Amino acid sequence: MKPKRDWAADWISNNDDTVRGFPIFVGGASLLAVLVNRAVTGIAPVADASSSQSRADLLTLGLAVTNILTGLVWLTIRPKSISVVNPQGVECRFIFSHLPDFVVSELLWAWESLSGVTCCRSLVVVYDRRCIVQIGVAAESVNSEALAVDAAKLMQGSLYQAAIKSASQSYLANLSLYPGRSELPFLPLNTQAWITLIGEKLDATLAKYVTNERLAVQDRV
């Protein structure tokens, strides 16, 4: 079943300039209507506080000016569009070597899903105090290789701590404007945005691996 389209939203999106300038047209038409009305009816151009017509005209003029100012604000303030850039770095495909096949398959599925339907070009997964996945484009180190993730340092940063405390998604829409950029040296230099979240599905899969690993260690002991 196809999702129902919102025709009003589509029309507004396709006619953004017209919609933003609409209050100016309404305000200008209201001003013109007041002037024409006073000229045709022979009312004195000077407002008279004792006249109900003058009071109505003053109210109309105030609303018209408000509409014009609103339209000017809408035309001036626009959301800044961020253009897609090519990440400056090197290709990286690090996966923790001791992970079983079913965990690796789950992690690769997550990466392929993200990179396929979004602009995501880098994925880092930190679990059990270590980086188990670093895939996509990474920052280039001095020896022209991918810069590895320092999991211990990352976990001490404010971005990681905020995600753990809130247990919800957080993001920086414009990474260059926030000091948190220094906590992410492993990302490409021109990274525009960063999203931190707790992957519940991955957590369930990785929890099985960690539990089995600890049981195996106990058996060997």
N, C-alpha and C. Protein backbone atom coordinates (compact mmCIF):
# COMPACT_ATOMS: atom_id res chain seq x y z
N MET A 1 0.85 -1.20 0.00
CA MET A 1 0.00 0.00 0.00
C MET A 1 0.88 1.25 0.00
N LYS A 2 0.65 2.14 -0.95
CA LYS A 2 1.47 3.34 -1.06
C LYS A 2 1.09 4.34 0.04
N PRO A 3 2.10 5.01 0.63
CA PRO A 3 1.77 6.02 1.64
C PRO A 3 1.01 7.19 1.03
N LYS A 4 0.08 7.73 1.79
CA LYS A 4 -0.73 8.85 1.31
C LYS A 4 0.11 10.12 1.23
N ARG A 5 0.04 10.78 0.08
CA ARG A 5 0.83 12.00 -0.12
C ARG A 5 0.11 13.20 0.46
N ASP A 6 0.88 14.09 1.04
CA ASP A 6 0.34 15.34 1.57
C ASP A 6 0.51 16.40 0.49
N TRP A 7 -0.57 16.63 -0.28
CA TRP A 7 -0.48 17.55 -1.42
C TRP A 7 -0.20 18.97 -0.97
N ALA A 8 -0.76 19.39 0.15
CA ALA A 8 -0.51 20.75 0.64
C ALA A 8 0.96 20.95 0.97
N ALA A 9 1.55 19.98 1.66
CA ALA A 9 2.97 20.08 2.01
C ALA A 9 3.84 20.07 0.77
N ASP A 10 3.48 19.24 -0.22
CA ASP A 10 4.25 19.20 -1.47
C ASP A 10 4.17 20.53 -2.21
N TRP A 11 2.98 21.13 -2.24
CA TRP A 11 2.83 22.40 -2.95
C TRP A 11 3.63 23.50 -2.27
N ILE A 12 3.59 23.54 -0.94
CA ILE A 12 4.35 24.55 -0.20
C ILE A 12 5.84 24.37 -0.42
N SER A 13 6.30 23.12 -0.43
CA SER A 13 7.72 22.85 -0.65
C SER A 13 8.17 23.27 -2.04
N ASN A 14 7.31 23.08 -3.04
CA ASN A 14 7.68 23.43 -4.42
C ASN A 14 7.52 24.91 -4.72
N ASN A 15 6.80 25.64 -3.88
CA ASN A 15 6.58 27.08 -4.10
C ASN A 15 7.02 27.86 -2.86
N ASP A 16 8.21 27.59 -2.41
CA ASP A 16 8.71 28.16 -1.16
C ASP A 16 8.76 29.69 -1.21
N ASP A 17 9.29 30.26 -2.29
CA ASP A 17 9.41 31.72 -2.38
C ASP A 17 8.05 32.40 -2.39
N THR A 18 7.09 31.79 -3.10
CA THR A 18 5.75 32.38 -3.15
C THR A 18 5.09 32.38 -1.79
N VAL A 19 5.23 31.27 -1.06
CA VAL A 19 4.62 31.17 0.27
C VAL A 19 5.26 32.16 1.23
N ARG A 20 6.59 32.29 1.16
CA ARG A 20 7.28 33.22 2.06
C ARG A 20 6.90 34.68 1.76
N GLY A 21 6.65 34.99 0.49
CA GLY A 21 6.29 36.36 0.13
C GLY A 21 4.81 36.66 0.22
N PHE A 22 3.98 35.65 0.52
CA PHE A 22 2.53 35.84 0.56
C PHE A 22 2.08 36.90 1.56
N PRO A 23 2.64 36.94 2.79
CA PRO A 23 2.22 38.00 3.72
C PRO A 23 2.48 39.40 3.19
N ILE A 24 3.52 39.58 2.37
CA ILE A 24 3.79 40.91 1.79
C ILE A 24 2.67 41.30 0.83
N PHE A 25 2.23 40.34 0.00
CA PHE A 25 1.13 40.62 -0.93
C PHE A 25 -0.15 40.97 -0.18
N VAL A 26 -0.43 40.21 0.88
CA VAL A 26 -1.65 40.46 1.66
C VAL A 26 -1.58 41.83 2.33
N GLY A 27 -0.42 42.14 2.94
CA GLY A 27 -0.27 43.43 3.59
C GLY A 27 -0.35 44.59 2.62
N GLY A 28 0.30 44.45 1.45
CA GLY A 28 0.24 45.51 0.45
C GLY A 28 -1.17 45.72 -0.08
N ALA A 29 -1.88 44.62 -0.32
CA ALA A 29 -3.26 44.73 -0.79
C ALA A 29 -4.15 45.39 0.25
N SER A 30 -3.90 45.10 1.53
CA SER A 30 -4.70 45.71 2.60
C SER A 30 -4.45 47.21 2.67
N LEU A 31 -3.20 47.62 2.56
CA LEU A 31 -2.89 49.06 2.56
C LEU A 31 -3.56 49.77 1.39
N LEU A 32 -3.48 49.15 0.22
CA LEU A 32 -4.10 49.75 -0.96
C LEU A 32 -5.61 49.84 -0.81
N ALA A 33 -6.21 48.81 -0.22
CA ALA A 33 -7.66 48.80 -0.03
C ALA A 33 -8.10 49.92 0.91
N VAL A 34 -7.32 50.16 1.98
CA VAL A 34 -7.66 51.23 2.91
C VAL A 34 -7.59 52.59 2.23
N LEU A 35 -6.52 52.81 1.44
CA LEU A 35 -6.38 54.09 0.75
C LEU A 35 -7.49 54.32 -0.26
N VAL A 36 -7.82 53.28 -1.02
CA VAL A 36 -8.90 53.39 -2.00
C VAL A 36 -10.23 53.65 -1.31
N ASN A 37 -10.45 52.96 -0.20
CA ASN A 37 -11.71 53.14 0.54
C ASN A 37 -11.87 54.57 1.04
N ARG A 38 -10.80 55.14 1.58
CA ARG A 38 -10.89 56.51 2.09
C ARG A 38 -11.05 57.52 0.94
N ALA A 39 -10.42 57.22 -0.21
CA ALA A 39 -10.54 58.13 -1.35
C ALA A 39 -11.94 58.09 -1.95
N VAL A 40 -12.52 56.91 -2.06
CA VAL A 40 -13.84 56.76 -2.69
C VAL A 40 -14.94 57.29 -1.80
N THR A 41 -14.86 57.01 -0.51
CA THR A 41 -15.92 57.42 0.42
C THR A 41 -15.82 58.88 0.83
N GLY A 42 -14.72 59.55 0.47
CA GLY A 42 -14.58 60.96 0.80
C GLY A 42 -14.22 61.24 2.23
N ILE A 43 -13.71 60.24 2.94
CA ILE A 43 -13.30 60.45 4.33
C ILE A 43 -12.00 61.25 4.35
N ALA A 44 -11.86 62.14 5.31
CA ALA A 44 -10.66 62.96 5.41
C ALA A 44 -9.44 62.07 5.59
N PRO A 45 -8.31 62.42 4.93
CA PRO A 45 -7.11 61.60 5.04
C PRO A 45 -6.53 61.57 6.44
N VAL A 46 -6.84 62.57 7.27
CA VAL A 46 -6.33 62.60 8.64
C VAL A 46 -7.25 61.76 9.52
N ALA A 47 -6.66 60.86 10.30
CA ALA A 47 -7.45 59.97 11.16
C ALA A 47 -8.11 60.76 12.27
N ASP A 48 -9.35 60.42 12.54
CA ASP A 48 -10.12 61.07 13.59
C ASP A 48 -10.47 60.02 14.64
N ALA A 49 -10.00 60.23 15.86
CA ALA A 49 -10.20 59.23 16.91
C ALA A 49 -11.66 59.02 17.23
N SER A 50 -12.50 60.03 16.95
CA SER A 50 -13.93 59.90 17.26
C SER A 50 -14.70 59.13 16.20
N SER A 51 -14.06 58.86 15.06
CA SER A 51 -14.73 58.16 13.96
C SER A 51 -14.44 56.67 14.04
N SER A 52 -15.51 55.87 14.00
CA SER A 52 -15.33 54.42 14.02
C SER A 52 -14.62 53.93 12.76
N GLN A 53 -14.85 54.61 11.64
CA GLN A 53 -14.19 54.24 10.39
C GLN A 53 -12.69 54.46 10.49
N SER A 54 -12.29 55.55 11.10
CA SER A 54 -10.86 55.84 11.26
C SER A 54 -10.20 54.81 12.17
N ARG A 55 -10.90 54.44 13.23
CA ARG A 55 -10.33 53.43 14.14
C ARG A 55 -10.18 52.09 13.44
N ALA A 56 -11.16 51.73 12.61
CA ALA A 56 -11.07 50.48 11.86
C ALA A 56 -9.93 50.53 10.84
N ASP A 57 -9.75 51.70 10.22
CA ASP A 57 -8.66 51.84 9.25
C ASP A 57 -7.30 51.73 9.92
N LEU A 58 -7.18 52.34 11.11
CA LEU A 58 -5.91 52.25 11.84
C LEU A 58 -5.59 50.80 12.21
N LEU A 59 -6.61 50.06 12.63
CA LEU A 59 -6.41 48.65 12.96
C LEU A 59 -5.98 47.87 11.72
N THR A 60 -6.63 48.17 10.59
CA THR A 60 -6.27 47.49 9.34
C THR A 60 -4.85 47.83 8.92
N LEU A 61 -4.46 49.09 9.08
CA LEU A 61 -3.10 49.49 8.73
C LEU A 61 -2.07 48.77 9.60
N GLY A 62 -2.38 48.64 10.90
CA GLY A 62 -1.45 47.93 11.79
C GLY A 62 -1.28 46.48 11.39
N LEU A 63 -2.39 45.82 11.06
CA LEU A 63 -2.32 44.42 10.63
C LEU A 63 -1.59 44.29 9.30
N ALA A 64 -1.81 45.25 8.40
CA ALA A 64 -1.14 45.20 7.10
C ALA A 64 0.37 45.35 7.24
N VAL A 65 0.79 46.29 8.09
CA VAL A 65 2.23 46.47 8.32
C VAL A 65 2.83 45.23 8.97
N THR A 66 2.10 44.62 9.89
CA THR A 66 2.58 43.39 10.52
C THR A 66 2.76 42.28 9.49
N ASN A 67 1.82 42.16 8.56
CA ASN A 67 1.94 41.16 7.50
C ASN A 67 3.16 41.42 6.62
N ILE A 68 3.39 42.68 6.29
CA ILE A 68 4.54 43.01 5.44
C ILE A 68 5.85 42.69 6.15
N LEU A 69 5.95 43.05 7.42
CA LEU A 69 7.17 42.75 8.18
C LEU A 69 7.38 41.24 8.32
N THR A 70 6.28 40.51 8.53
CA THR A 70 6.39 39.05 8.62
C THR A 70 6.91 38.46 7.32
N GLY A 71 6.40 38.93 6.19
CA GLY A 71 6.88 38.45 4.90
C GLY A 71 8.34 38.75 4.68
N LEU A 72 8.78 39.95 5.08
CA LEU A 72 10.20 40.30 4.93
C LEU A 72 11.09 39.40 5.79
N VAL A 73 10.63 39.09 7.00
CA VAL A 73 11.39 38.19 7.86
C VAL A 73 11.47 36.80 7.25
N TRP A 74 10.36 36.30 6.74
CA TRP A 74 10.34 34.97 6.11
C TRP A 74 11.27 34.90 4.91
N LEU A 75 11.34 35.98 4.14
CA LEU A 75 12.21 35.98 2.96
C LEU A 75 13.68 36.12 3.35
N THR A 76 13.95 36.76 4.48
CA THR A 76 15.34 36.98 4.90
C THR A 76 15.92 35.77 5.60
N ILE A 77 15.15 35.18 6.51
CA ILE A 77 15.65 34.05 7.30
C ILE A 77 15.25 32.76 6.61
N ARG A 78 16.24 32.03 6.14
CA ARG A 78 16.00 30.76 5.47
C ARG A 78 16.90 29.69 6.08
N PRO A 79 16.43 28.46 6.12
CA PRO A 79 17.30 27.38 6.62
C PRO A 79 18.49 27.18 5.70
N LYS A 80 19.65 27.06 6.30
CA LYS A 80 20.87 26.88 5.52
C LYS A 80 20.96 25.44 5.03
N SER A 81 21.10 25.28 3.75
CA SER A 81 21.23 23.94 3.18
C SER A 81 22.70 23.54 3.17
N ILE A 82 22.97 22.31 3.62
CA ILE A 82 24.33 21.79 3.67
C ILE A 82 24.55 20.91 2.46
N SER A 83 25.53 21.26 1.67
CA SER A 83 25.82 20.49 0.46
C SER A 83 26.61 19.24 0.81
N VAL A 84 26.41 18.21 0.01
CA VAL A 84 27.11 16.94 0.21
C VAL A 84 28.56 17.11 -0.23
N VAL A 85 29.49 16.62 0.59
CA VAL A 85 30.92 16.72 0.28
C VAL A 85 31.51 15.32 0.26
N ASN A 86 32.63 15.19 -0.41
CA ASN A 86 33.37 13.93 -0.40
C ASN A 86 34.31 13.92 0.80
N PRO A 87 34.20 12.92 1.68
CA PRO A 87 35.03 12.89 2.89
C PRO A 87 36.51 12.87 2.54
N GLN A 88 37.29 13.65 3.28
CA GLN A 88 38.73 13.70 3.09
C GLN A 88 39.39 12.74 4.06
N GLY A 89 39.77 11.60 3.57
CA GLY A 89 40.39 10.59 4.41
C GLY A 89 40.72 9.35 3.61
N VAL A 90 40.87 8.25 4.29
CA VAL A 90 41.21 6.99 3.64
C VAL A 90 40.16 5.94 3.99
N GLU A 91 40.00 4.98 3.13
CA GLU A 91 39.04 3.90 3.38
C GLU A 91 39.53 3.02 4.52
N CYS A 92 38.60 2.64 5.37
CA CYS A 92 38.94 1.81 6.53
C CYS A 92 37.91 0.70 6.67
N ARG A 93 38.38 -0.47 7.04
CA ARG A 93 37.48 -1.61 7.28
C ARG A 93 38.06 -2.46 8.41
N PHE A 94 37.93 -1.94 9.61
CA PHE A 94 38.43 -2.65 10.78
C PHE A 94 37.27 -3.33 11.50
N ILE A 95 37.41 -4.62 11.74
CA ILE A 95 36.43 -5.39 12.51
C ILE A 95 37.20 -6.24 13.51
N PHE A 96 36.81 -6.16 14.76
CA PHE A 96 37.49 -6.90 15.82
C PHE A 96 37.60 -8.38 15.45
N SER A 97 38.81 -8.90 15.50
CA SER A 97 39.09 -10.22 14.94
C SER A 97 38.43 -11.37 15.69
N HIS A 98 38.09 -11.20 16.96
CA HIS A 98 37.55 -12.31 17.74
C HIS A 98 36.03 -12.41 17.69
N LEU A 99 35.40 -11.61 16.87
CA LEU A 99 33.94 -11.67 16.77
C LEU A 99 33.50 -12.88 15.96
N PRO A 100 32.46 -13.58 16.39
CA PRO A 100 31.94 -14.70 15.60
C PRO A 100 31.25 -14.21 14.33
N ASP A 101 31.00 -15.14 13.43
CA ASP A 101 30.45 -14.78 12.11
C ASP A 101 29.08 -14.10 12.21
N PHE A 102 28.23 -14.57 13.12
CA PHE A 102 26.88 -14.00 13.18
C PHE A 102 26.92 -12.54 13.66
N VAL A 103 27.89 -12.21 14.50
CA VAL A 103 28.03 -10.82 14.94
C VAL A 103 28.57 -9.95 13.82
N VAL A 104 29.56 -10.47 13.09
CA VAL A 104 30.13 -9.73 11.96
C VAL A 104 29.06 -9.46 10.91
N SER A 105 28.23 -10.46 10.64
CA SER A 105 27.16 -10.29 9.65
C SER A 105 26.18 -9.20 10.08
N GLU A 106 25.87 -9.17 11.37
CA GLU A 106 24.96 -8.14 11.89
C GLU A 106 25.56 -6.74 11.76
N LEU A 107 26.84 -6.62 12.06
CA LEU A 107 27.50 -5.32 11.98
C LEU A 107 27.60 -4.85 10.53
N LEU A 108 27.94 -5.75 9.63
CA LEU A 108 28.03 -5.38 8.22
C LEU A 108 26.66 -5.01 7.66
N TRP A 109 25.63 -5.71 8.11
CA TRP A 109 24.27 -5.37 7.69
C TRP A 109 23.91 -3.95 8.13
N ALA A 110 24.27 -3.60 9.37
CA ALA A 110 23.99 -2.26 9.87
C ALA A 110 24.71 -1.20 9.04
N TRP A 111 25.97 -1.47 8.69
CA TRP A 111 26.73 -0.51 7.89
C TRP A 111 26.16 -0.38 6.49
N GLU A 112 25.84 -1.49 5.86
CA GLU A 112 25.30 -1.44 4.50
C GLU A 112 23.94 -0.73 4.47
N SER A 113 23.15 -0.90 5.51
CA SER A 113 21.86 -0.23 5.58
C SER A 113 22.03 1.28 5.73
N LEU A 114 22.93 1.69 6.61
CA LEU A 114 23.16 3.12 6.83
C LEU A 114 23.75 3.80 5.61
N SER A 115 24.78 3.20 5.04
CA SER A 115 25.45 3.82 3.90
C SER A 115 24.59 3.78 2.64
N GLY A 116 23.66 2.84 2.59
CA GLY A 116 22.83 2.71 1.40
C GLY A 116 21.68 3.69 1.32
N VAL A 117 21.10 4.04 2.47
CA VAL A 117 19.90 4.89 2.46
C VAL A 117 20.13 6.28 3.06
N THR A 118 21.33 6.54 3.58
CA THR A 118 21.63 7.85 4.15
C THR A 118 22.95 8.36 3.59
N CYS A 119 23.35 9.54 4.06
CA CYS A 119 24.64 10.12 3.67
C CYS A 119 25.77 9.67 4.59
N CYS A 120 25.52 8.70 5.44
CA CYS A 120 26.53 8.22 6.37
C CYS A 120 27.70 7.62 5.60
N ARG A 121 28.91 8.06 5.92
CA ARG A 121 30.12 7.56 5.25
C ARG A 121 31.13 6.99 6.23
N SER A 122 30.83 7.02 7.52
CA SER A 122 31.73 6.45 8.52
C SER A 122 30.89 5.86 9.65
N LEU A 123 31.31 4.71 10.14
CA LEU A 123 30.61 4.06 11.24
C LEU A 123 31.63 3.54 12.24
N VAL A 124 31.41 3.88 13.50
CA VAL A 124 32.27 3.41 14.59
C VAL A 124 31.37 2.81 15.66
N VAL A 125 31.69 1.60 16.08
CA VAL A 125 30.92 0.92 17.12
C VAL A 125 31.86 0.63 18.29
N VAL A 126 31.53 1.17 19.45
CA VAL A 126 32.30 0.93 20.67
C VAL A 126 31.44 0.09 21.60
N TYR A 127 32.00 -1.02 22.05
CA TYR A 127 31.25 -1.93 22.93
C TYR A 127 32.21 -2.59 23.90
N ASP A 128 31.77 -2.69 25.14
CA ASP A 128 32.57 -3.34 26.18
C ASP A 128 33.97 -2.70 26.28
N ARG A 129 33.98 -1.37 26.22
CA ARG A 129 35.19 -0.56 26.40
C ARG A 129 36.24 -0.76 25.30
N ARG A 130 35.82 -1.14 24.12
CA ARG A 130 36.76 -1.26 23.00
C ARG A 130 36.03 -1.02 21.69
N CYS A 131 36.79 -0.58 20.72
CA CYS A 131 36.24 -0.35 19.38
C CYS A 131 36.21 -1.68 18.64
N ILE A 132 35.03 -2.11 18.25
CA ILE A 132 34.91 -3.39 17.55
C ILE A 132 34.69 -3.20 16.05
N VAL A 133 34.29 -2.00 15.65
CA VAL A 133 34.09 -1.73 14.22
C VAL A 133 34.48 -0.29 13.92
N GLN A 134 35.27 -0.13 12.88
CA GLN A 134 35.55 1.18 12.29
C GLN A 134 35.56 0.97 10.78
N ILE A 135 34.53 1.44 10.14
CA ILE A 135 34.35 1.13 8.72
C ILE A 135 33.89 2.39 7.97
N GLY A 136 34.27 2.47 6.72
CA GLY A 136 33.95 3.64 5.91
C GLY A 136 35.18 4.48 5.68
N VAL A 137 35.01 5.79 5.71
CA VAL A 137 36.12 6.73 5.52
C VAL A 137 36.60 7.21 6.88
N ALA A 138 37.92 7.12 7.11
CA ALA A 138 38.51 7.54 8.37
C ALA A 138 39.55 8.61 8.11
N ALA A 139 39.93 9.32 9.17
CA ALA A 139 40.98 10.32 9.05
C ALA A 139 42.31 9.63 8.74
N GLU A 140 43.16 10.33 8.04
CA GLU A 140 44.45 9.76 7.63
C GLU A 140 45.51 10.06 8.68
N SER A 141 46.24 9.04 9.10
CA SER A 141 47.31 9.21 10.08
C SER A 141 48.59 9.67 9.39
N VAL A 142 49.66 9.86 10.17
CA VAL A 142 50.93 10.34 9.62
C VAL A 142 51.57 9.34 8.68
N ASN A 143 51.25 8.07 8.85
CA ASN A 143 51.81 7.03 7.97
C ASN A 143 50.84 6.65 6.85
N SER A 144 49.91 7.57 6.54
CA SER A 144 48.96 7.42 5.43
C SER A 144 48.01 6.25 5.60
N GLU A 145 47.79 5.82 6.82
CA GLU A 145 46.82 4.77 7.12
C GLU A 145 45.65 5.37 7.90
N ALA A 146 44.61 4.56 8.07
CA ALA A 146 43.44 5.03 8.81
C ALA A 146 43.79 5.26 10.28
N LEU A 147 43.36 6.39 10.81
CA LEU A 147 43.62 6.71 12.21
C LEU A 147 42.69 5.87 13.09
N ALA A 148 43.28 5.06 13.96
CA ALA A 148 42.50 4.15 14.79
C ALA A 148 41.73 4.91 15.87
N VAL A 149 40.65 4.31 16.33
CA VAL A 149 39.82 4.90 17.38
C VAL A 149 40.40 4.56 18.74
N ASP A 150 40.64 5.58 19.54
CA ASP A 150 41.07 5.39 20.92
C ASP A 150 39.82 5.30 21.78
N ALA A 151 39.36 4.06 22.02
CA ALA A 151 38.08 3.87 22.71
C ALA A 151 38.10 4.45 24.12
N ALA A 152 39.21 4.28 24.83
CA ALA A 152 39.29 4.79 26.20
C ALA A 152 39.15 6.31 26.24
N LYS A 153 39.81 7.00 25.32
CA LYS A 153 39.73 8.46 25.26
C LYS A 153 38.34 8.91 24.82
N LEU A 154 37.76 8.20 23.87
CA LEU A 154 36.42 8.55 23.39
C LEU A 154 35.40 8.42 24.50
N MET A 155 35.52 7.38 25.31
CA MET A 155 34.56 7.14 26.38
C MET A 155 34.64 8.19 27.49
N GLN A 156 35.77 8.87 27.58
CA GLN A 156 35.92 9.92 28.59
C GLN A 156 35.36 11.26 28.13
N GLY A 157 35.08 11.37 26.83
CA GLY A 157 34.60 12.64 26.28
C GLY A 157 33.15 12.92 26.60
N SER A 158 32.76 14.17 26.41
CA SER A 158 31.41 14.62 26.75
C SER A 158 30.36 14.03 25.81
N LEU A 159 30.72 13.79 24.54
CA LEU A 159 29.75 13.24 23.59
C LEU A 159 29.33 11.83 23.99
N TYR A 160 30.30 11.00 24.32
CA TYR A 160 30.02 9.62 24.72
C TYR A 160 29.25 9.60 26.05
N GLN A 161 29.71 10.38 27.01
CA GLN A 161 29.06 10.40 28.32
C GLN A 161 27.62 10.88 28.23
N ALA A 162 27.37 11.87 27.37
CA ALA A 162 26.00 12.38 27.22
C ALA A 162 25.08 11.32 26.63
N ALA A 163 25.60 10.54 25.67
CA ALA A 163 24.78 9.49 25.07
C ALA A 163 24.46 8.39 26.08
N ILE A 164 25.43 8.04 26.92
CA ILE A 164 25.21 7.00 27.92
C ILE A 164 24.21 7.46 28.98
N LYS A 165 24.34 8.70 29.43
CA LYS A 165 23.45 9.19 30.48
C LYS A 165 22.02 9.36 29.99
N SER A 166 21.87 9.88 28.79
CA SER A 166 20.52 10.13 28.27
C SER A 166 19.89 8.87 27.68
N ALA A 167 20.73 7.90 27.29
CA ALA A 167 20.25 6.66 26.66
C ALA A 167 19.38 6.95 25.45
N SER A 168 19.70 8.03 24.75
CA SER A 168 18.94 8.40 23.56
C SER A 168 19.89 8.99 22.53
N GLN A 169 19.36 9.18 21.35
CA GLN A 169 20.17 9.71 20.25
C GLN A 169 20.51 11.18 20.47
N SER A 170 21.73 11.55 20.12
CA SER A 170 22.13 12.95 20.11
C SER A 170 22.94 13.20 18.85
N TYR A 171 22.96 14.45 18.42
CA TYR A 171 23.65 14.74 17.17
C TYR A 171 24.17 16.16 17.16
N LEU A 172 25.18 16.39 16.34
CA LEU A 172 25.71 17.72 16.06
C LEU A 172 25.50 17.96 14.58
N ALA A 173 24.56 18.85 14.25
CA ALA A 173 24.20 19.05 12.85
C ALA A 173 25.28 19.78 12.07
N ASN A 174 26.09 20.60 12.76
CA ASN A 174 27.18 21.31 12.09
C ASN A 174 28.41 21.17 12.98
N LEU A 175 29.20 20.16 12.69
CA LEU A 175 30.29 19.77 13.58
C LEU A 175 31.35 20.86 13.71
N SER A 176 31.51 21.69 12.68
CA SER A 176 32.56 22.72 12.72
C SER A 176 32.28 23.81 13.74
N LEU A 177 31.03 23.93 14.20
CA LEU A 177 30.66 24.99 15.13
C LEU A 177 30.73 24.56 16.59
N TYR A 178 31.04 23.30 16.87
CA TYR A 178 31.00 22.79 18.23
C TYR A 178 32.38 22.30 18.67
N PRO A 179 32.72 22.49 19.94
CA PRO A 179 34.02 22.03 20.44
C PRO A 179 34.15 20.51 20.48
N GLY A 180 33.04 19.78 20.34
CA GLY A 180 33.09 18.33 20.37
C GLY A 180 33.87 17.72 19.23
N ARG A 181 34.20 18.52 18.23
CA ARG A 181 34.98 18.02 17.08
C ARG A 181 36.31 17.44 17.53
N SER A 182 36.90 17.98 18.59
CA SER A 182 38.20 17.50 19.06
C SER A 182 38.13 16.10 19.63
N GLU A 183 36.92 15.63 19.99
CA GLU A 183 36.77 14.28 20.53
C GLU A 183 36.67 13.23 19.43
N LEU A 184 36.61 13.67 18.18
CA LEU A 184 36.41 12.75 17.06
C LEU A 184 37.54 12.87 16.04
N PRO A 185 38.79 12.71 16.45
CA PRO A 185 39.90 12.87 15.50
C PRO A 185 39.95 11.78 14.44
N PHE A 186 39.27 10.67 14.68
CA PHE A 186 39.32 9.54 13.74
C PHE A 186 38.38 9.73 12.55
N LEU A 187 37.51 10.75 12.59
CA LEU A 187 36.61 11.02 11.47
C LEU A 187 37.32 11.88 10.42
N PRO A 188 36.85 11.84 9.17
CA PRO A 188 37.45 12.69 8.13
C PRO A 188 37.45 14.16 8.54
N LEU A 189 38.43 14.91 8.04
CA LEU A 189 38.60 16.31 8.44
C LEU A 189 37.38 17.16 8.11
N ASN A 190 36.72 16.86 7.00
CA ASN A 190 35.58 17.69 6.58
C ASN A 190 34.23 17.05 6.95
N THR A 191 34.22 16.26 8.00
CA THR A 191 32.96 15.68 8.48
C THR A 191 32.00 16.80 8.88
N GLN A 192 30.77 16.74 8.38
CA GLN A 192 29.81 17.81 8.62
C GLN A 192 28.90 17.57 9.82
N ALA A 193 28.59 16.32 10.09
CA ALA A 193 27.66 16.03 11.18
C ALA A 193 28.02 14.71 11.84
N TRP A 194 27.56 14.56 13.07
CA TRP A 194 27.87 13.38 13.87
C TRP A 194 26.62 12.97 14.62
N ILE A 195 26.29 11.70 14.59
CA ILE A 195 25.13 11.18 15.32
C ILE A 195 25.62 10.10 16.28
N THR A 196 25.23 10.23 17.53
CA THR A 196 25.55 9.24 18.56
C THR A 196 24.26 8.58 19.01
N LEU A 197 24.25 7.27 19.02
CA LEU A 197 23.06 6.56 19.50
C LEU A 197 23.44 5.20 20.04
N ILE A 198 22.55 4.65 20.81
CA ILE A 198 22.74 3.32 21.37
C ILE A 198 21.95 2.34 20.50
N GLY A 199 22.67 1.47 19.79
CA GLY A 199 22.03 0.51 18.90
C GLY A 199 21.49 -0.67 19.68
N GLU A 200 20.19 -0.67 19.94
CA GLU A 200 19.60 -1.72 20.77
C GLU A 200 19.70 -3.09 20.10
N LYS A 201 19.49 -3.13 18.78
CA LYS A 201 19.58 -4.41 18.07
C LYS A 201 21.00 -4.94 18.11
N LEU A 202 21.98 -4.07 17.87
CA LEU A 202 23.38 -4.49 17.93
C LEU A 202 23.76 -4.87 19.36
N ASP A 203 23.22 -4.14 20.32
CA ASP A 203 23.53 -4.43 21.72
C ASP A 203 23.06 -5.84 22.09
N ALA A 204 21.88 -6.22 21.61
CA ALA A 204 21.37 -7.56 21.91
C ALA A 204 22.26 -8.64 21.28
N THR A 205 22.72 -8.39 20.05
CA THR A 205 23.58 -9.37 19.38
C THR A 205 24.94 -9.46 20.06
N LEU A 206 25.52 -8.31 20.38
CA LEU A 206 26.84 -8.30 21.01
C LEU A 206 26.80 -8.85 22.43
N ALA A 207 25.67 -8.67 23.12
CA ALA A 207 25.55 -9.19 24.47
C ALA A 207 25.63 -10.72 24.47
N LYS A 208 25.07 -11.35 23.44
CA LYS A 208 25.17 -12.81 23.33
C LYS A 208 26.62 -13.24 23.18
N TYR A 209 27.37 -12.49 22.36
CA TYR A 209 28.78 -12.82 22.14
C TYR A 209 29.59 -12.66 23.42
N VAL A 210 29.37 -11.55 24.14
CA VAL A 210 30.13 -11.30 25.37
C VAL A 210 29.81 -12.35 26.42
N THR A 211 28.52 -12.73 26.52
CA THR A 211 28.13 -13.76 27.49
C THR A 211 28.77 -15.09 27.16
N ASN A 212 28.73 -15.48 25.89
CA ASN A 212 29.34 -16.75 25.49
C ASN A 212 30.85 -16.74 25.70
N GLU A 213 31.47 -15.59 25.45
CA GLU A 213 32.92 -15.48 25.62
C GLU A 213 33.31 -15.65 27.09
N ARG A 214 32.54 -15.03 27.98
CA ARG A 214 32.85 -15.13 29.40
C ARG A 214 32.61 -16.55 29.91
N LEU A 215 31.57 -17.20 29.40
CA LEU A 215 31.31 -18.59 29.80
C LEU A 215 32.44 -19.50 29.33
N ALA A 216 32.95 -19.24 28.13
CA ALA A 216 34.05 -20.05 27.60
C ALA A 216 35.31 -19.86 28.44
N VAL A 217 35.56 -18.64 28.89
CA VAL A 217 36.72 -18.38 29.74
C VAL A 217 36.58 -19.10 31.07
N GLN A 218 35.37 -19.09 31.64
CA GLN A 218 35.14 -19.78 32.90
C GLN A 218 35.34 -21.29 32.75
N ASP A 219 34.91 -21.84 31.61
CA ASP A 219 35.07 -23.27 31.38
C ASP A 219 36.55 -23.64 31.29
N ARG A 220 37.34 -22.78 30.65
CA ARG A 220 38.77 -23.06 30.52
C ARG A 220 39.46 -22.99 31.87
N VAL A 221 38.98 -22.06 32.72
CA VAL A 221 39.56 -21.94 34.06
C VAL A 221 39.18 -23.16 34.91
